[in-house]
Amino acid sequence: MTAPRTAPPGRAAALAAAILARRTCPTCRQDAGYCIPVSLGECVTCAYPEEQRVL
């Protein structure tokens, strides 16, 4: 049995940066905790602010 392959440190860092970029909202600059949908272009909170109001 062979050992699992690991990414070189540079590739792992580049992948981590790419994932963080997909999770960061361009409007509020916060990490949304999920990948931002391309259809919205921003986090759900910024895309639908009227839905976030407390009654």
N, C-alpha and C. Protein backbone atom coordinates (compact mmCIF):
# COMPACT_ATOMS: atom_id res chain seq x y z
N MET A 1 0.84 -1.17 0.00
CA MET A 1 0.00 0.00 0.00
C MET A 1 0.90 1.24 0.00
N THR A 2 0.53 2.24 -0.79
CA THR A 2 1.33 3.45 -0.87
C THR A 2 0.78 4.52 0.06
N ALA A 3 1.65 5.41 0.46
CA ALA A 3 1.24 6.51 1.34
C ALA A 3 0.46 7.55 0.53
N PRO A 4 -0.49 8.24 1.14
CA PRO A 4 -1.23 9.27 0.42
C PRO A 4 -0.31 10.41 0.01
N ARG A 5 -0.58 10.97 -1.15
CA ARG A 5 0.24 12.07 -1.65
C ARG A 5 -0.14 13.36 -0.92
N THR A 6 0.85 14.16 -0.63
CA THR A 6 0.61 15.46 0.00
C THR A 6 1.06 16.55 -0.96
N ALA A 7 0.39 17.67 -0.90
CA ALA A 7 0.73 18.79 -1.76
C ALA A 7 1.98 19.48 -1.22
N PRO A 8 2.81 20.00 -2.12
CA PRO A 8 3.96 20.79 -1.66
C PRO A 8 3.46 22.02 -0.89
N PRO A 9 4.27 22.57 0.00
CA PRO A 9 3.83 23.70 0.81
C PRO A 9 3.32 24.89 -0.01
N GLY A 10 3.95 25.20 -1.12
CA GLY A 10 3.52 26.32 -1.95
C GLY A 10 2.15 26.08 -2.56
N ARG A 11 1.89 24.88 -3.02
CA ARG A 11 0.59 24.56 -3.61
C ARG A 11 -0.50 24.56 -2.55
N ALA A 12 -0.19 24.04 -1.37
CA ALA A 12 -1.17 24.03 -0.28
C ALA A 12 -1.51 25.46 0.14
N ALA A 13 -0.52 26.34 0.19
CA ALA A 13 -0.77 27.74 0.55
C ALA A 13 -1.60 28.44 -0.52
N ALA A 14 -1.32 28.15 -1.79
CA ALA A 14 -2.10 28.75 -2.87
C ALA A 14 -3.54 28.28 -2.84
N LEU A 15 -3.75 27.02 -2.55
CA LEU A 15 -5.11 26.49 -2.45
C LEU A 15 -5.86 27.11 -1.28
N ALA A 16 -5.21 27.26 -0.14
CA ALA A 16 -5.83 27.89 1.02
C ALA A 16 -6.21 29.35 0.72
N ALA A 17 -5.35 30.07 0.00
CA ALA A 17 -5.64 31.46 -0.36
C ALA A 17 -6.82 31.53 -1.34
N ALA A 18 -6.90 30.59 -2.27
CA ALA A 18 -8.00 30.58 -3.23
C ALA A 18 -9.33 30.29 -2.54
N ILE A 19 -9.32 29.37 -1.61
CA ILE A 19 -10.55 29.04 -0.88
C ILE A 19 -10.98 30.23 -0.02
N LEU A 20 -10.04 30.90 0.63
CA LEU A 20 -10.38 32.08 1.42
C LEU A 20 -10.95 33.18 0.53
N ALA A 21 -10.41 33.35 -0.66
CA ALA A 21 -10.93 34.36 -1.58
C ALA A 21 -12.36 34.05 -1.99
N ARG A 22 -12.70 32.80 -2.17
CA ARG A 22 -14.07 32.43 -2.54
C ARG A 22 -15.04 32.60 -1.38
N ARG A 23 -14.54 32.60 -0.14
CA ARG A 23 -15.39 32.73 1.04
C ARG A 23 -15.53 34.17 1.51
N THR A 24 -14.70 35.09 1.02
CA THR A 24 -14.69 36.47 1.46
C THR A 24 -15.63 37.31 0.61
N CYS A 25 -16.57 38.00 1.26
CA CYS A 25 -17.54 38.84 0.58
C CYS A 25 -16.85 40.12 0.10
N PRO A 26 -17.00 40.49 -1.17
CA PRO A 26 -16.36 41.71 -1.66
C PRO A 26 -17.03 42.98 -1.12
N THR A 27 -18.24 42.88 -0.65
CA THR A 27 -18.96 44.05 -0.15
C THR A 27 -18.59 44.37 1.29
N CYS A 28 -18.71 43.40 2.18
CA CYS A 28 -18.44 43.64 3.60
C CYS A 28 -17.06 43.16 4.04
N ARG A 29 -16.34 42.47 3.18
CA ARG A 29 -14.98 41.98 3.45
C ARG A 29 -14.91 41.01 4.62
N GLN A 30 -16.01 40.29 4.89
CA GLN A 30 -16.04 39.31 5.97
C GLN A 30 -15.96 37.90 5.39
N ASP A 31 -15.41 36.98 6.16
CA ASP A 31 -15.43 35.57 5.78
C ASP A 31 -16.84 35.07 6.04
N ALA A 32 -17.54 34.68 4.97
CA ALA A 32 -18.94 34.28 5.09
C ALA A 32 -19.10 32.90 5.74
N GLY A 33 -18.07 32.09 5.76
CA GLY A 33 -18.18 30.75 6.32
C GLY A 33 -18.62 29.73 5.30
N TYR A 34 -18.82 30.17 4.07
CA TYR A 34 -19.20 29.30 2.95
C TYR A 34 -18.71 29.96 1.67
N CYS A 35 -18.66 29.22 0.60
CA CYS A 35 -18.25 29.79 -0.68
C CYS A 35 -19.36 30.69 -1.20
N ILE A 36 -19.02 31.92 -1.56
CA ILE A 36 -19.98 32.91 -2.04
C ILE A 36 -20.54 32.43 -3.38
N PRO A 37 -21.87 32.38 -3.55
CA PRO A 37 -22.44 31.97 -4.83
C PRO A 37 -22.10 32.99 -5.92
N VAL A 38 -21.69 32.51 -7.07
CA VAL A 38 -21.36 33.38 -8.19
C VAL A 38 -22.60 34.14 -8.64
N SER A 39 -23.77 33.53 -8.51
CA SER A 39 -25.01 34.17 -8.94
C SER A 39 -25.32 35.41 -8.10
N LEU A 40 -24.90 35.43 -6.83
CA LEU A 40 -25.14 36.59 -5.97
C LEU A 40 -23.99 37.58 -6.03
N GLY A 41 -22.77 37.07 -6.05
CA GLY A 41 -21.59 37.92 -6.08
C GLY A 41 -21.23 38.51 -4.73
N GLU A 42 -22.00 38.23 -3.70
CA GLU A 42 -21.72 38.68 -2.35
C GLU A 42 -22.41 37.73 -1.38
N CYS A 43 -22.13 37.89 -0.09
CA CYS A 43 -22.73 36.99 0.89
C CYS A 43 -24.24 37.21 0.95
N VAL A 44 -24.94 36.27 1.51
CA VAL A 44 -26.40 36.33 1.58
C VAL A 44 -26.84 37.54 2.40
N THR A 45 -26.11 37.86 3.46
CA THR A 45 -26.46 39.01 4.30
C THR A 45 -26.40 40.31 3.51
N CYS A 46 -25.40 40.48 2.67
CA CYS A 46 -25.28 41.69 1.85
C CYS A 46 -26.26 41.66 0.68
N ALA A 47 -26.52 40.50 0.14
CA ALA A 47 -27.40 40.38 -1.02
C ALA A 47 -28.85 40.64 -0.65
N TYR A 48 -29.26 40.25 0.55
CA TYR A 48 -30.64 40.40 1.00
C TYR A 48 -30.68 41.10 2.37
N PRO A 49 -30.31 42.37 2.44
CA PRO A 49 -30.26 43.04 3.76
C PRO A 49 -31.64 43.18 4.40
N GLU A 50 -32.69 43.29 3.61
CA GLU A 50 -34.03 43.44 4.18
C GLU A 50 -34.47 42.18 4.91
N GLU A 51 -33.92 41.03 4.54
CA GLU A 51 -34.25 39.77 5.21
C GLU A 51 -33.58 39.65 6.57
N GLN A 52 -32.56 40.47 6.83
CA GLN A 52 -31.77 40.35 8.05
C GLN A 52 -32.31 41.22 9.17
N ARG A 53 -33.28 42.06 8.89
CA ARG A 53 -33.83 42.93 9.94
C ARG A 53 -34.58 42.12 10.99
N VAL A 54 -34.45 42.53 12.22
CA VAL A 54 -35.14 41.88 13.33
C VAL A 54 -36.47 42.57 13.53
N LEU A 55 -37.51 41.79 13.66
CA LEU A 55 -38.85 42.37 13.86
C LEU A 55 -39.08 42.79 15.28
